[in-house]
Amino acid sequence: LQEVLGEDKLMAILKERELKIYWGTATTGKPHVAYFVPMSKIADFLKAGCEVTILFADLHAYLDNMKAPWELLELRTRYYENVIKAMLESIGVPLEKLKFVRGTDYQLSKEYTLDVYRLSSVVTQHDAKKAGAEVVKQVEHPLLSGLLYPGLQALDEEYLKVDAQFGGVDQRKIFTFAEKYLPSLGYAKRVHLMNPMVPGLTGSKMSSSEEDSKIDLLDRKEDVKKKLRKAFCEPGNVENNGVLSFIKHVLFPLKSEFVVLREEKWGGNKTYTAYEALEKDFAEQVVHPGDLKNSVEVALNKLLDPIREKFNSPELKKLTHMAYPTAKPAEKHTKNSEPENMVVPSQLNIRVGKVISVEQHPDADSLYVEKIDVGEPEPRTVVSGLVQFVPKEQMQDRLVVLLCNIKPKMMRGVESQGMVLCASRCCAGERVYVEGYEDGNPEDELKPKKKVFEKLQVDFRVSEDCVAQWKQRNFLTKLGTVSCKSLKGGSIS
């Protein structure tokens, strides 16, 4: 665990009896591999003799900015119940020792509803908003439902009759909210146990809403390979490394060891029985990112195979399709009111890359041949016509923005695997997106005949503040806007 609130109370309870604990999950987007972190901890609780309840928080899912439409709530809750049980079986957790509850089984009762009103009479708007800041989807004009969410989660502790609530460290503000306000209704303050959050494959929190950041529990083996290949895993960098974190928080707790698979010429397979030793070898570049990713791929597929097999039944295939229907093309970009056939920035796979080498093209004085690290196992070779604009020494070790899903093409005998757009200050491999188009998924490879990039590029500009924009919408990363040092009002190509 990363943190415990109320450890003294926890120890006092254990002197008299076993702990009663619950873990809840809002039934919104599909669960992904990071869910193995709480699942492995639930296995620990059961081994320790705890009474464990799993709550499928269907009403919470609706309150969280309507992430789960009311008509899909029942279907998504059934999906969650089946997939969570399949995960637990995959890691050898006996289901008969667990209690499964749905929020709407008791949250619509007269008593619970009255307590919601009682709580709303003492909770300030400030505290409710602050409590849900890291859990409830934040928008410019929040709905009242998002302010109710933390109160319901606090009341769940009383109505499930538990001693403790377990969740990710991102729930901390809701946990402290519960500790503050439950006593005002005459209810006991509970213990709170928190596991760390596993970074996603792109370096930030693994999220159901960011496709590139997570591996779905039902992803095919080829999809797992593809996503891991693109995952941020810079040589020697152990910070925000989702691949290493998954090994630390999932694979090691489950297996007590991890095997790095590699060819004999690179030293052969090596078994690690302590995570710290693996992290040290990776930091010192004894372990290559490509070998690490390949080894995680093998270990992860062993966990996912039983889940895939269970969901291969006609009944669960139908449930998956009904709970998460494929969006119709016309519905994809309604929030921006774009015509169905219009190209949009989210189709572009734009990432931050670091120039690790730059040479003059052997057959063209105006071209550079660069090796650029975009967080993949191998750097990309990119040919750029920047000789007359940027000196060679200024290109070396520079962070740049690279269009990655453009079709590779030969440029004077050298295959170019991307297009450099402009400068950046972020980590290699981080996704760059256009404001308002954060949720779209890029195409695997842009079709030259459709001229997607060309149609979008005509509206790429640098603002008077030197910020990269598309139709006056800023290019963004998690650190903020993407900018350059000069070229006010210039075009980007």
Protein backbone atom coordinates (compact mmCIF):
# COMPACT_ATOMS: atom_id res chain seq x y z
CA LEU A 1 0.00 0.00 0.00
CA GLN A 2 1.08 3.58 -0.56
CA GLU A 3 -0.75 5.06 2.41
CA VAL A 4 -2.97 4.13 5.37
CA LEU A 5 -5.27 6.56 7.23
CA GLY A 6 -6.33 5.34 10.69
CA GLU A 7 -3.66 2.72 11.38
CA ASP A 8 -4.21 2.86 15.17
CA LYS A 9 -7.89 2.03 14.72
CA LEU A 10 -6.96 -0.75 12.31
CA MET A 11 -4.64 -2.37 14.88
CA ALA A 12 -7.29 -2.07 17.61
CA ILE A 13 -9.90 -3.87 15.47
CA LEU A 14 -7.45 -6.67 14.62
CA LYS A 15 -6.91 -7.38 18.32
CA GLU A 16 -10.59 -8.37 18.56
CA ARG A 17 -11.60 -9.75 15.14
CA GLU A 18 -10.91 -9.83 11.39
CA LEU A 19 -11.21 -6.61 9.37
CA LYS A 20 -14.30 -5.90 7.24
CA ILE A 21 -13.28 -3.99 4.11
CA TYR A 22 -14.79 -2.90 0.81
CA TRP A 23 -13.44 -1.90 -2.59
CA GLY A 24 -15.71 -0.11 -5.06
CA THR A 25 -15.54 0.59 -8.77
CA ALA A 26 -17.79 2.86 -10.82
CA THR A 27 -19.09 0.93 -13.85
CA THR A 28 -18.04 3.38 -16.57
CA GLY A 29 -15.33 2.58 -19.18
CA LYS A 30 -13.98 -0.95 -19.66
CA PRO A 31 -11.63 -2.14 -16.89
CA HIS A 32 -8.00 -2.35 -18.04
CA VAL A 33 -4.85 -4.12 -16.85
CA ALA A 34 -4.19 -1.57 -14.07
CA TYR A 35 -7.17 -3.16 -12.28
CA PHE A 36 -4.82 -6.05 -11.49
CA VAL A 37 -3.24 -3.76 -8.86
CA PRO A 38 -6.31 -3.67 -6.56
CA MET A 39 -7.16 -7.28 -7.48
CA SER A 40 -3.77 -8.51 -6.23
CA LYS A 41 -4.29 -6.49 -3.03
CA ILE A 42 -7.75 -8.00 -2.55
CA ALA A 43 -6.03 -11.39 -2.79
CA ASP A 44 -3.73 -10.25 0.06
CA PHE A 45 -6.71 -9.17 2.19
CA LEU A 46 -8.39 -12.56 1.76
CA LYS A 47 -5.18 -14.41 2.65
CA ALA A 48 -5.01 -12.27 5.81
CA GLY A 49 -8.55 -13.39 6.77
CA CYS A 50 -10.39 -10.14 5.98
CA GLU A 51 -14.06 -10.07 5.02
CA VAL A 52 -14.06 -8.36 1.61
CA THR A 53 -16.98 -6.76 -0.23
CA ILE A 54 -16.71 -5.62 -3.86
CA LEU A 55 -19.13 -2.82 -4.77
CA PHE A 56 -20.19 -2.27 -8.38
CA ALA A 57 -21.04 1.43 -8.05
CA ASP A 58 -23.56 1.75 -10.85
CA LEU A 59 -25.24 4.90 -9.52
CA HIS A 60 -21.84 6.57 -9.10
CA ALA A 61 -21.12 5.81 -12.77
CA TYR A 62 -24.17 7.82 -13.80
CA LEU A 63 -23.42 10.70 -11.46
CA ASP A 64 -19.86 11.07 -12.80
CA ASN A 65 -20.80 13.45 -15.61
CA MET A 66 -23.06 10.73 -17.07
CA LYS A 67 -20.09 8.60 -18.19
CA ALA A 68 -22.49 5.64 -18.22
CA PRO A 69 -25.88 6.45 -19.82
CA TRP A 70 -28.83 5.29 -17.69
CA GLU A 71 -30.00 2.81 -20.34
CA LEU A 72 -26.56 1.12 -20.32
CA LEU A 73 -26.07 0.98 -16.54
CA GLU A 74 -27.45 -2.54 -16.06
CA LEU A 75 -25.45 -3.90 -19.02
CA ARG A 76 -22.19 -2.28 -17.93
CA THR A 77 -22.65 -3.47 -14.36
CA ARG A 78 -23.11 -7.05 -15.62
CA TYR A 79 -19.98 -6.63 -17.77
CA TYR A 80 -17.97 -5.37 -14.79
CA GLU A 81 -19.17 -8.22 -12.59
CA ASN A 82 -18.16 -10.83 -15.15
CA VAL A 83 -14.80 -9.30 -16.05
CA ILE A 84 -13.76 -8.59 -12.43
CA LYS A 85 -14.63 -12.17 -11.44
CA ALA A 86 -12.61 -13.42 -14.44
CA MET A 87 -9.62 -11.30 -13.32
CA LEU A 88 -9.81 -12.69 -9.79
CA GLU A 89 -10.00 -16.25 -11.11
CA SER A 90 -7.02 -15.51 -13.38
CA ILE A 91 -4.83 -14.79 -10.32
CA GLY A 92 -6.26 -17.63 -8.21
CA VAL A 93 -8.59 -15.72 -5.86
CA PRO A 94 -11.45 -17.88 -4.47
CA LEU A 95 -14.72 -16.07 -5.33
CA GLU A 96 -16.73 -17.85 -2.60
CA LYS A 97 -14.88 -15.77 0.01
CA LEU A 98 -16.02 -12.50 -1.57
CA LYS A 99 -19.30 -10.60 -1.29
CA PHE A 100 -20.51 -8.77 -4.42
CA VAL A 101 -22.96 -5.84 -4.11
CA ARG A 102 -24.48 -3.34 -6.55
CA GLY A 103 -24.94 0.26 -5.47
CA THR A 104 -28.57 0.46 -6.59
CA ASP A 105 -29.37 -2.54 -4.35
CA TYR A 106 -29.40 -0.17 -1.36
CA GLN A 107 -28.65 3.38 -2.57
CA LEU A 108 -32.27 3.95 -3.68
CA SER A 109 -33.73 3.01 -0.30
CA LYS A 110 -35.65 5.52 1.82
CA GLU A 111 -33.01 5.47 4.59
CA TYR A 112 -30.06 6.03 2.26
CA THR A 113 -31.86 8.80 0.35
CA LEU A 114 -32.67 10.59 3.60
CA ASP A 115 -29.00 10.40 4.60
CA VAL A 116 -28.00 11.93 1.26
CA TYR A 117 -30.24 14.92 2.08
CA ARG A 118 -28.90 15.08 5.66
CA LEU A 119 -25.33 15.08 4.36
CA SER A 120 -26.07 17.75 1.73
CA SER A 121 -27.30 20.04 4.54
CA VAL A 122 -23.87 20.08 6.22
CA VAL A 123 -21.41 19.71 3.30
CA THR A 124 -20.16 22.89 1.62
CA GLN A 125 -19.97 23.18 -2.16
CA HIS A 126 -16.22 23.85 -1.82
CA ASP A 127 -15.60 20.63 0.11
CA ALA A 128 -17.71 18.52 -2.25
CA LYS A 129 -15.93 19.84 -5.33
CA LYS A 130 -12.48 19.48 -3.73
CA ALA A 131 -13.22 15.89 -2.66
CA GLY A 132 -14.07 14.78 -6.18
CA ALA A 133 -11.29 16.73 -7.92
CA GLU A 134 -9.18 13.67 -8.84
CA VAL A 135 -12.03 11.19 -9.38
CA VAL A 136 -15.04 12.98 -10.87
CA LYS A 137 -14.58 14.25 -14.45
CA GLN A 138 -13.80 17.97 -14.23
CA VAL A 139 -15.55 20.29 -16.68
CA GLU A 140 -15.95 24.06 -16.97
CA HIS A 141 -19.60 24.00 -15.87
CA PRO A 142 -19.91 20.99 -13.50
CA LEU A 143 -23.22 19.24 -12.95
CA LEU A 144 -24.72 18.98 -9.47
CA SER A 145 -24.40 15.19 -9.73
CA GLY A 146 -20.61 15.44 -9.52
CA LEU A 147 -20.92 17.27 -6.19
CA LEU A 148 -23.16 14.49 -4.80
CA TYR A 149 -20.68 11.76 -5.77
CA PRO A 150 -18.23 12.06 -2.79
CA GLY A 151 -21.13 12.07 -0.30
CA LEU A 152 -22.54 8.83 -1.67
CA GLN A 153 -19.13 7.18 -1.50
CA ALA A 154 -18.79 8.25 2.12
CA LEU A 155 -22.23 6.86 3.01
CA ASP A 156 -21.35 3.53 1.36
CA GLU A 157 -18.94 2.86 4.24
CA GLU A 158 -21.83 3.00 6.74
CA TYR A 159 -24.38 1.11 4.65
CA LEU A 160 -21.96 -1.70 3.77
CA LYS A 161 -21.14 -2.02 7.50
CA VAL A 162 -17.35 -2.11 6.98
CA ASP A 163 -14.38 -1.04 9.07
CA ALA A 164 -12.30 0.17 6.12
CA GLN A 165 -12.46 1.29 2.53
CA PHE A 166 -9.73 0.37 0.05
CA GLY A 167 -8.97 2.34 -3.13
CA GLY A 168 -6.34 4.07 -5.21
CA VAL A 169 -4.39 6.99 -3.79
CA ASP A 170 -6.36 9.18 -6.24
CA GLN A 171 -9.33 8.61 -3.85
CA ARG A 172 -7.54 10.26 -0.92
CA LYS A 173 -9.59 13.47 -0.96
CA ILE A 174 -12.85 11.49 -0.91
CA PHE A 175 -11.50 9.40 1.98
CA THR A 176 -10.61 12.48 4.07
CA PHE A 177 -14.02 13.96 3.13
CA ALA A 178 -15.69 10.83 4.59
CA GLU A 179 -13.59 11.05 7.76
CA LYS A 180 -14.68 14.65 8.22
CA TYR A 181 -18.42 14.37 7.48
CA LEU A 182 -19.62 10.87 8.52
CA PRO A 183 -19.28 11.72 12.25
CA SER A 184 -21.57 14.74 11.68
CA LEU A 185 -24.36 12.23 10.92
CA GLY A 186 -23.49 10.16 13.98
CA TYR A 187 -21.56 7.51 12.02
CA ALA A 188 -18.09 6.17 12.79
CA LYS A 189 -14.94 7.30 11.03
CA ARG A 190 -13.50 4.44 8.93
CA VAL A 191 -9.95 3.27 8.15
CA HIS A 192 -8.70 4.02 4.61
CA LEU A 193 -6.16 1.93 2.70
CA MET A 194 -4.62 3.21 -0.55
CA ASN A 195 -2.69 1.49 -3.31
CA PRO A 196 -0.42 3.48 -5.69
CA MET A 197 -1.64 4.42 -9.16
CA VAL A 198 0.05 2.66 -12.08
CA PRO A 199 1.20 5.10 -14.78
CA GLY A 200 -0.34 4.47 -18.18
CA LEU A 201 1.71 3.43 -21.19
CA THR A 202 2.03 7.08 -22.21
CA GLY A 203 3.50 8.07 -18.83
CA SER A 204 0.45 9.64 -17.15
CA LYS A 205 -2.31 7.83 -15.19
CA MET A 206 -3.66 4.75 -16.96
CA SER A 207 -7.16 5.75 -18.05
CA SER A 208 -10.11 4.06 -19.75
CA SER A 209 -10.72 7.24 -21.73
CA GLU A 210 -7.20 7.45 -23.22
CA GLU A 211 -6.84 4.52 -25.60
CA ASP A 212 -3.06 4.70 -26.00
CA SER A 213 -2.48 4.76 -22.23
CA LYS A 214 -4.05 1.40 -21.40
CA ILE A 215 -4.33 -2.25 -22.36
CA ASP A 216 -7.89 -3.54 -22.28
CA LEU A 217 -8.50 -6.88 -20.56
CA LEU A 218 -9.94 -8.26 -23.80
CA ASP A 219 -7.31 -6.83 -26.17
CA ARG A 220 -6.01 -9.38 -28.66
CA LYS A 221 -2.38 -10.50 -28.38
CA GLU A 222 -1.47 -8.46 -31.45
CA ASP A 223 -3.04 -5.37 -29.82
CA VAL A 224 -1.04 -5.96 -26.63
CA LYS A 225 2.16 -6.19 -28.67
CA LYS A 226 1.32 -3.03 -30.62
CA LYS A 227 0.49 -0.94 -27.52
CA LEU A 228 3.55 -2.10 -25.60
CA ARG A 229 5.73 -1.34 -28.62
CA LYS A 230 4.49 2.27 -28.54
CA ALA A 231 4.66 2.56 -24.73
CA PHE A 232 6.89 5.21 -23.17
CA CYS A 233 9.96 3.34 -21.90
CA GLU A 234 13.02 5.54 -22.39
CA PRO A 235 16.39 3.75 -21.80
CA GLY A 236 17.54 4.29 -18.22
CA ASN A 237 14.46 6.36 -17.29
CA VAL A 238 12.53 4.86 -14.35
CA GLU A 239 10.24 7.89 -13.84
CA ASN A 240 6.61 7.63 -15.08
CA ASN A 241 7.55 4.36 -16.75
CA GLY A 242 4.26 2.44 -17.04
CA VAL A 243 6.00 -0.75 -18.16
CA LEU A 244 8.24 -0.87 -15.06
CA SER A 245 5.37 0.16 -12.78
CA PHE A 246 3.21 -2.69 -14.04
CA ILE A 247 6.00 -5.13 -13.20
CA LYS A 248 6.42 -3.58 -9.73
CA HIS A 249 2.76 -3.37 -8.72
CA VAL A 250 1.22 -6.36 -10.51
CA LEU A 251 3.65 -9.00 -11.74
CA PHE A 252 5.99 -9.06 -8.72
CA PRO A 253 3.21 -9.23 -6.08
CA LEU A 254 1.54 -12.08 -7.99
CA LYS A 255 4.60 -14.16 -8.90
CA SER A 256 7.35 -12.94 -6.51
CA GLU A 257 9.70 -12.87 -9.50
CA PHE A 258 10.06 -11.54 -13.03
CA VAL A 259 11.97 -13.08 -15.91
CA VAL A 260 13.58 -10.82 -18.52
CA LEU A 261 13.61 -12.76 -21.79
CA ARG A 262 16.47 -12.03 -24.17
CA GLU A 263 18.71 -13.70 -26.70
CA GLU A 264 21.89 -15.48 -25.61
CA LYS A 265 24.07 -12.91 -27.38
CA TRP A 266 22.67 -10.27 -25.00
CA GLY A 267 23.24 -12.40 -21.90
CA GLY A 268 20.25 -14.76 -22.08
CA ASN A 269 17.24 -14.85 -19.76
CA LYS A 270 17.61 -13.35 -16.28
CA THR A 271 15.28 -13.97 -13.32
CA TYR A 272 14.77 -11.16 -10.79
CA THR A 273 13.42 -11.97 -7.32
CA ALA A 274 13.46 -8.36 -6.15
CA TYR A 275 12.01 -5.43 -8.09
CA GLU A 276 14.73 -3.06 -6.88
CA ALA A 277 17.39 -5.14 -8.66
CA LEU A 278 15.44 -4.96 -11.94
CA GLU A 279 14.94 -1.20 -11.62
CA LYS A 280 18.66 -0.72 -10.90
CA ASP A 281 19.66 -2.75 -13.98
CA PHE A 282 17.20 -0.80 -16.15
CA ALA A 283 18.47 2.54 -14.81
CA GLU A 284 22.03 1.45 -15.63
CA GLN A 285 20.83 0.27 -19.08
CA VAL A 286 21.79 -3.35 -18.39
CA VAL A 287 18.20 -4.21 -19.38
CA HIS A 288 17.03 -2.88 -22.77
CA PRO A 289 13.51 -1.39 -23.14
CA GLY A 290 12.77 -3.78 -26.01
CA ASP A 291 13.58 -6.85 -23.89
CA LEU A 292 11.56 -5.44 -20.99
CA LYS A 293 8.50 -4.87 -23.19
CA ASN A 294 8.74 -8.32 -24.77
CA SER A 295 8.96 -9.95 -21.33
CA VAL A 296 5.96 -7.97 -20.00
CA GLU A 297 4.02 -8.97 -23.11
CA VAL A 298 4.57 -12.69 -22.38
CA ALA A 299 3.70 -12.35 -18.67
CA LEU A 300 0.66 -10.17 -19.35
CA ASN A 301 -0.80 -12.52 -21.95
CA LYS A 302 -0.62 -15.36 -19.40
CA LEU A 303 -2.88 -13.28 -17.13
CA LEU A 304 -5.22 -12.24 -19.95
CA ASP A 305 -5.63 -15.63 -21.68
CA PRO A 306 -8.19 -17.03 -19.16
CA ILE A 307 -10.18 -13.77 -19.33
CA ARG A 308 -10.19 -13.79 -23.15
CA GLU A 309 -11.26 -17.44 -23.12
CA LYS A 310 -14.17 -16.77 -20.76
CA PHE A 311 -15.36 -13.81 -22.84
CA ASN A 312 -15.18 -15.85 -26.02
CA SER A 313 -18.58 -17.35 -25.18
CA PRO A 314 -21.53 -16.12 -27.32
CA GLU A 315 -23.33 -14.82 -24.24
CA LEU A 316 -20.44 -12.63 -23.02
CA LYS A 317 -19.55 -11.51 -26.55
CA LYS A 318 -23.11 -10.21 -26.88
CA LEU A 319 -22.96 -8.56 -23.44
CA THR A 320 -19.70 -6.76 -24.33
CA HIS A 321 -21.15 -5.46 -27.60
CA MET A 322 -24.37 -4.26 -25.94
CA ALA A 323 -22.65 -2.65 -22.93
CA TYR A 324 -20.08 -0.84 -25.09
CA PRO A 325 -21.69 -0.36 -28.51
CA THR A 326 -19.40 0.87 -31.27
CA ALA A 327 -19.96 4.58 -31.87
CA LYS A 328 -21.44 5.45 -35.22
CA PRO A 329 -19.11 7.56 -37.40
CA ALA A 330 -21.51 10.49 -37.32
CA GLU A 331 -21.42 10.58 -33.51
CA LYS A 332 -17.65 10.69 -33.03
CA HIS A 333 -17.11 14.47 -33.04
CA THR A 334 -20.55 15.89 -32.24
CA LYS A 335 -19.16 18.05 -29.44
CA ASN A 336 -17.22 20.05 -32.02
CA SER A 337 -20.11 20.02 -34.53
CA GLU A 338 -17.87 18.77 -37.33
CA PRO A 339 -19.44 17.26 -40.48
CA GLU A 340 -19.24 13.45 -40.63
CA ASN A 341 -16.71 13.40 -43.50
CA MET A 342 -14.46 16.15 -42.14
CA VAL A 343 -10.94 15.25 -41.01
CA VAL A 344 -10.07 16.18 -37.40
CA PRO A 345 -6.78 16.59 -35.47
CA SER A 346 -7.32 13.51 -33.31
CA GLN A 347 -6.66 11.38 -36.41
CA LEU A 348 -3.00 12.46 -36.23
CA ASN A 349 -0.56 10.56 -34.00
CA ILE A 350 1.67 13.46 -32.96
CA ARG A 351 4.29 12.71 -30.29
CA VAL A 352 7.25 14.31 -28.59
CA GLY A 353 10.60 12.90 -29.73
CA LYS A 354 14.24 13.43 -28.78
CA VAL A 355 16.85 13.78 -31.55
CA ILE A 356 19.61 11.36 -30.52
CA SER A 357 21.70 11.80 -33.68
CA VAL A 358 21.68 14.06 -36.73
CA GLU A 359 23.73 13.76 -39.91
CA GLN A 360 23.82 15.47 -43.28
CA HIS A 361 21.96 13.43 -45.93
CA PRO A 362 24.66 11.77 -48.08
CA ASP A 363 22.89 12.73 -51.31
CA ALA A 364 21.12 16.01 -50.47
CA ASP A 365 22.70 19.19 -49.05
CA SER A 366 19.34 20.54 -47.83
CA LEU A 367 18.35 17.47 -45.80
CA TYR A 368 19.21 16.06 -42.38
CA VAL A 369 18.93 12.37 -41.48
CA GLU A 370 17.93 12.14 -37.82
CA LYS A 371 17.49 9.29 -35.36
CA ILE A 372 14.59 10.27 -33.09
CA ASP A 373 13.50 8.51 -29.88
CA VAL A 374 9.71 8.54 -29.47
CA GLY A 375 9.62 6.04 -26.60
CA GLU A 376 9.58 2.97 -28.86
CA PRO A 377 12.07 0.06 -28.65
CA GLU A 378 14.05 1.50 -31.57
CA PRO A 379 14.51 5.14 -32.65
CA ARG A 380 12.85 6.29 -35.88
CA THR A 381 14.84 7.44 -38.88
CA VAL A 382 13.47 10.77 -40.10
CA VAL A 383 14.58 12.90 -43.04
CA SER A 384 13.96 16.64 -42.56
CA GLY A 385 14.55 19.63 -44.81
CA LEU A 386 15.80 21.80 -41.96
CA VAL A 387 19.44 22.39 -42.97
CA GLN A 388 18.87 26.04 -43.95
CA PHE A 389 16.75 26.74 -40.85
CA VAL A 390 18.40 24.98 -37.91
CA PRO A 391 22.17 24.39 -37.45
CA LYS A 392 23.18 20.77 -36.93
CA GLU A 393 24.47 21.37 -33.39
CA GLN A 394 21.08 22.86 -32.42
CA MET A 395 19.25 19.77 -33.68
CA GLN A 396 21.34 17.34 -31.61
CA ASP A 397 19.56 16.27 -28.36
CA ARG A 398 16.65 18.57 -29.15
CA LEU A 399 13.06 17.72 -28.21
CA VAL A 400 10.82 17.96 -31.25
CA VAL A 401 7.23 17.23 -32.23
CA LEU A 402 6.89 14.35 -34.67
CA LEU A 403 3.99 13.20 -36.84
CA CYS A 404 4.29 9.42 -36.36
CA ASN A 405 1.47 7.86 -38.39
CA ILE A 406 2.41 9.33 -41.74
CA LYS A 407 3.20 6.62 -44.28
CA PRO A 408 7.00 6.01 -44.51
CA LYS A 409 8.51 7.24 -47.78
CA MET A 410 11.89 7.23 -49.48
CA MET A 411 13.69 10.58 -49.57
CA ARG A 412 16.79 10.48 -51.75
CA GLY A 413 17.36 6.81 -50.94
CA VAL A 414 16.65 7.01 -47.17
CA GLU A 415 13.29 5.87 -45.72
CA SER A 416 11.75 8.58 -43.53
CA GLN A 417 9.46 7.27 -40.76
CA GLY A 418 7.92 10.52 -39.62
CA MET A 419 7.74 14.29 -40.04
CA VAL A 420 9.25 16.85 -37.66
CA LEU A 421 6.78 19.69 -37.01
CA CYS A 422 8.14 21.99 -34.29
CA ALA A 423 9.96 22.24 -30.92
CA SER A 424 8.75 21.01 -27.50
CA ARG A 425 9.78 20.66 -23.83
CA CYS A 426 8.21 17.33 -22.83
CA CYS A 427 9.22 13.68 -22.46
CA ALA A 428 9.94 11.52 -25.50
CA GLY A 429 6.86 9.55 -26.53
CA GLU A 430 4.28 11.85 -24.96
CA ARG A 431 1.11 12.39 -27.02
CA VAL A 432 0.47 15.85 -28.45
CA TYR A 433 -3.17 16.74 -29.08
CA VAL A 434 -5.28 19.70 -30.15
CA GLU A 435 -7.46 21.46 -27.58
CA GLY A 436 -10.99 20.04 -27.76
CA TYR A 437 -9.89 16.82 -29.44
CA GLU A 438 -8.31 15.06 -26.44
CA ASP A 439 -10.48 11.93 -26.58
CA GLY A 440 -10.08 10.86 -30.22
CA ASN A 441 -7.87 7.97 -31.30
CA PRO A 442 -5.27 8.44 -34.07
CA GLU A 443 -5.38 6.30 -37.18
CA ASP A 444 -2.79 3.52 -37.37
CA GLU A 445 -1.42 4.95 -40.61
CA LEU A 446 -2.67 7.92 -42.61
CA LYS A 447 -3.86 6.98 -46.09
CA PRO A 448 -2.01 9.21 -48.60
CA LYS A 449 -5.02 9.37 -50.94
CA LYS A 450 -7.24 10.86 -48.21
CA LYS A 451 -4.69 13.65 -47.56
CA VAL A 452 -5.72 13.88 -43.89
CA PHE A 453 -2.55 15.67 -42.78
CA GLU A 454 -2.54 17.99 -45.79
CA LYS A 455 -6.15 19.08 -45.12
CA LEU A 456 -5.37 19.79 -41.46
CA GLN A 457 -1.94 21.31 -42.04
CA VAL A 458 -3.30 24.31 -43.98
CA ASP A 459 -4.76 25.54 -40.67
CA PHE A 460 -1.59 24.90 -38.60
CA ARG A 461 -0.22 28.25 -37.43
CA VAL A 462 2.03 29.77 -34.79
CA SER A 463 0.21 32.40 -32.74
CA GLU A 464 1.56 35.83 -31.86
CA ASP A 465 2.59 34.24 -28.54
CA CYS A 466 4.57 31.57 -30.45
CA VAL A 467 2.08 28.80 -29.53
CA ALA A 468 1.34 26.07 -32.09
CA GLN A 469 -2.35 26.07 -33.08
CA TRP A 470 -4.93 24.50 -35.41
CA LYS A 471 -7.82 26.85 -36.21
CA GLN A 472 -6.78 28.92 -33.15
CA ARG A 473 -6.98 25.83 -30.89
CA ASN A 474 -3.71 25.21 -29.00
CA PHE A 475 -1.49 22.16 -29.39
CA LEU A 476 -1.22 20.68 -25.87
CA THR A 477 0.61 18.09 -23.78
CA LYS A 478 0.07 17.34 -20.08
CA LEU A 479 2.63 20.11 -19.32
CA GLY A 480 0.71 22.76 -21.24
CA THR A 481 0.95 24.40 -24.65
CA VAL A 482 3.47 23.50 -27.37
CA SER A 483 5.51 26.50 -28.45
CA CYS A 484 8.66 27.64 -30.27
CA LYS A 485 11.07 30.48 -29.57
CA SER A 486 10.30 32.59 -32.63
CA LEU A 487 8.29 32.61 -35.90
CA LYS A 488 5.29 34.59 -34.62
CA GLY A 489 2.38 34.11 -36.98
CA GLY A 490 4.28 31.55 -39.06
CA SER A 491 2.87 28.38 -40.57
CA ILE A 492 3.74 24.82 -39.44
CA SER A 493 4.74 22.28 -42.06
